[in-house]
């Protein structure tokens, strides 16, 4: 169909399907947090809306790295791993992204 840069699931360290996280190797705290953000995105958006936004994000962003749902998960995981700002609510952050239509 002409798609390039499709995510290669065989190379992914982990993938989340609704509330199930499948890990292909060692799982760091940062990786687990990233995947838990996806579980929260699924919870708040629902499966259909999450899937729609994921595919739309890939198509408009041109690659895995351009998917806003991934950008959200990576940015929150970086905050978690940095732990510079203390505690924050991933639930509230995902909710804020949804309200702002950042996806």
C-alpha atoms as a PDB file:
ATOM      1  CA  UNK A   1       0.000   0.000   0.000  1.00  0.00           C
ATOM      2  CA  UNK A   2       3.040   2.248  -0.062  1.00  0.00           C
ATOM      3  CA  UNK A   3       3.439   2.638   3.701  1.00  0.00           C
ATOM      4  CA  UNK A   4       6.985   3.042   4.898  1.00  0.00           C
ATOM      5  CA  UNK A   5       8.401   3.230   8.413  1.00  0.00           C
ATOM      6  CA  UNK A   6       5.742   0.924   9.836  1.00  0.00           C
ATOM      7  CA  UNK A   7       6.504  -0.085  13.422  1.00  0.00           C
ATOM      8  CA  UNK A   8       8.218  -3.481  13.574  1.00  0.00           C
ATOM      9  CA  UNK A   9       6.590  -5.259  16.483  1.00  0.00           C
ATOM     10  CA  UNK A  10       9.377  -7.851  16.506  1.00  0.00           C
ATOM     11  CA  UNK A  11      11.819  -5.091  17.513  1.00  0.00           C
ATOM     12  CA  UNK A  12       9.631  -3.431  20.150  1.00  0.00           C
ATOM     13  CA  UNK A  13      10.640  -3.845  23.770  1.00  0.00           C
ATOM     14  CA  UNK A  14       6.969  -3.864  24.825  1.00  0.00           C
ATOM     15  CA  UNK A  15       3.471  -3.271  23.528  1.00  0.00           C
ATOM     16  CA  UNK A  16       0.231  -2.537  25.364  1.00  0.00           C
ATOM     17  CA  UNK A  17      -3.176  -3.864  24.378  1.00  0.00           C
ATOM     18  CA  UNK A  18      -5.812  -2.148  26.512  1.00  0.00           C
ATOM     19  CA  UNK A  19      -4.631  -3.213  30.001  1.00  0.00           C
ATOM     20  CA  UNK A  20      -2.215  -5.999  29.050  1.00  0.00           C
ATOM     21  CA  UNK A  21       1.468  -5.212  28.620  1.00  0.00           C
ATOM     22  CA  UNK A  22       3.548  -7.672  26.606  1.00  0.00           C
ATOM     23  CA  UNK A  23       7.290  -7.356  27.185  1.00  0.00           C
ATOM     24  CA  UNK A  24       9.891  -9.050  24.988  1.00  0.00           C
ATOM     25  CA  UNK A  25      12.860  -8.762  27.347  1.00  0.00           C
ATOM     26  CA  UNK A  26      14.025  -7.028  30.497  1.00  0.00           C
ATOM     27  CA  UNK A  27      11.608  -4.328  31.635  1.00  0.00           C
ATOM     28  CA  UNK A  28      12.958  -1.142  33.167  1.00  0.00           C
ATOM     29  CA  UNK A  29      10.835   1.145  35.333  1.00  0.00           C
ATOM     30  CA  UNK A  30      10.816   3.709  32.519  1.00  0.00           C
ATOM     31  CA  UNK A  31       9.578   1.183  29.956  1.00  0.00           C
ATOM     32  CA  UNK A  32       6.885  -0.056  32.326  1.00  0.00           C
ATOM     33  CA  UNK A  33       5.779   3.532  33.026  1.00  0.00           C
ATOM     34  CA  UNK A  34       5.628   4.281  29.271  1.00  0.00           C
ATOM     35  CA  UNK A  35       3.382   1.258  28.736  1.00  0.00           C
ATOM     36  CA  UNK A  36       1.219   2.155  31.749  1.00  0.00           C
ATOM     37  CA  UNK A  37       0.663   5.573  30.136  1.00  0.00           C
ATOM     38  CA  UNK A  38      -0.684   3.711  27.101  1.00  0.00           C
ATOM     39  CA  UNK A  39      -2.977   1.687  29.375  1.00  0.00           C
ATOM     40  CA  UNK A  40      -4.265   4.988  30.798  1.00  0.00           C
ATOM     41  CA  UNK A  41      -4.730   6.380  27.287  1.00  0.00           C
ATOM     42  CA  UNK A  42      -6.784   3.285  26.406  1.00  0.00           C
ATOM     43  CA  UNK A  43      -8.824   3.693  29.602  1.00  0.00           C
ATOM     44  CA  UNK A  44      -9.669   7.324  28.956  1.00  0.00           C
ATOM     45  CA  UNK A  45     -10.099   7.153  25.184  1.00  0.00           C
ATOM     46  CA  UNK A  46     -11.563   3.684  24.735  1.00  0.00           C
ATOM     47  CA  UNK A  47     -10.202   1.094  22.329  1.00  0.00           C
ATOM     48  CA  UNK A  48     -11.813   2.511  19.186  1.00  0.00           C
ATOM     49  CA  UNK A  49     -10.716   6.109  19.742  1.00  0.00           C
ATOM     50  CA  UNK A  50      -7.204   5.019  20.810  1.00  0.00           C
ATOM     51  CA  UNK A  51      -6.835   2.925  17.638  1.00  0.00           C
ATOM     52  CA  UNK A  52      -8.172   5.758  15.478  1.00  0.00           C
ATOM     53  CA  UNK A  53      -5.787   8.300  16.996  1.00  0.00           C
ATOM     54  CA  UNK A  54      -2.832   5.897  16.804  1.00  0.00           C
ATOM     55  CA  UNK A  55      -3.334   5.193  13.096  1.00  0.00           C
ATOM     56  CA  UNK A  56      -4.170   8.821  12.300  1.00  0.00           C
ATOM     57  CA  UNK A  57      -1.068   9.912  14.230  1.00  0.00           C
ATOM     58  CA  UNK A  58       1.110   7.509  12.294  1.00  0.00           C
ATOM     59  CA  UNK A  59      -0.282   8.612   8.950  1.00  0.00           C
ATOM     60  CA  UNK A  60       0.019  12.328   9.680  1.00  0.00           C
ATOM     61  CA  UNK A  61       3.333  12.073  11.546  1.00  0.00           C
ATOM     62  CA  UNK A  62       4.933   9.785   8.983  1.00  0.00           C
ATOM     63  CA  UNK A  63       6.526   7.409  11.465  1.00  0.00           C
ATOM     64  CA  UNK A  64       6.261   5.770  14.864  1.00  0.00           C
ATOM     65  CA  UNK A  65       8.101   8.728  16.416  1.00  0.00           C
ATOM     66  CA  UNK A  66       5.490  11.132  15.042  1.00  0.00           C
ATOM     67  CA  UNK A  67       2.500   9.463  16.722  1.00  0.00           C
ATOM     68  CA  UNK A  68       1.169  11.920  19.341  1.00  0.00           C
ATOM     69  CA  UNK A  69       0.089   9.077  21.666  1.00  0.00           C
ATOM     70  CA  UNK A  70       3.711   7.871  21.656  1.00  0.00           C
ATOM     71  CA  UNK A  71       5.047  11.401  22.118  1.00  0.00           C
ATOM     72  CA  UNK A  72       2.769  11.731  25.166  1.00  0.00           C
ATOM     73  CA  UNK A  73       3.924   8.386  26.608  1.00  0.00           C
ATOM     74  CA  UNK A  74       7.622   9.120  25.982  1.00  0.00           C
ATOM     75  CA  UNK A  75       7.401  12.615  27.481  1.00  0.00           C
ATOM     76  CA  UNK A  76       5.672  11.371  30.621  1.00  0.00           C
ATOM     77  CA  UNK A  77       8.133   8.477  30.939  1.00  0.00           C
ATOM     78  CA  UNK A  78      11.018  10.961  30.671  1.00  0.00           C
ATOM     79  CA  UNK A  79       9.467  13.041  33.460  1.00  0.00           C
ATOM     80  CA  UNK A  80       9.051   9.888  35.540  1.00  0.00           C
ATOM     81  CA  UNK A  81      12.639   8.815  34.955  1.00  0.00           C
ATOM     82  CA  UNK A  82      13.996  12.312  35.624  1.00  0.00           C
ATOM     83  CA  UNK A  83      12.020  12.645  38.864  1.00  0.00           C
ATOM     84  CA  UNK A  84      13.163  16.285  39.038  1.00  0.00           C
ATOM     85  CA  UNK A  85       9.731  17.779  39.562  1.00  0.00           C
ATOM     86  CA  UNK A  86       8.529  15.322  42.172  1.00  0.00           C
ATOM     87  CA  UNK A  87       5.205  13.564  41.912  1.00  0.00           C
ATOM     88  CA  UNK A  88       2.751  14.048  39.066  1.00  0.00           C
ATOM     89  CA  UNK A  89      -0.404  12.312  37.961  1.00  0.00           C
ATOM     90  CA  UNK A  90      -0.148  10.434  34.671  1.00  0.00           C
ATOM     91  CA  UNK A  91      -3.950  10.166  34.717  1.00  0.00           C
ATOM     92  CA  UNK A  92      -4.284  13.967  34.953  1.00  0.00           C
ATOM     93  CA  UNK A  93      -1.630  14.538  32.278  1.00  0.00           C
ATOM     94  CA  UNK A  94      -3.329  12.181  29.806  1.00  0.00           C
ATOM     95  CA  UNK A  95      -6.666  13.823  30.595  1.00  0.00           C
ATOM     96  CA  UNK A  96      -5.130  17.249  29.946  1.00  0.00           C
ATOM     97  CA  UNK A  97      -3.759  16.132  26.568  1.00  0.00           C
ATOM     98  CA  UNK A  98      -7.212  14.836  25.634  1.00  0.00           C
ATOM     99  CA  UNK A  99      -8.937  18.087  26.703  1.00  0.00           C
ATOM    100  CA  UNK A 100      -6.432  20.128  24.697  1.00  0.00           C
ATOM    101  CA  UNK A 101      -6.877  17.778  21.719  1.00  0.00           C
ATOM    102  CA  UNK A 102      -3.108  17.308  21.627  1.00  0.00           C
ATOM    103  CA  UNK A 103      -3.654  13.979  19.888  1.00  0.00           C
END
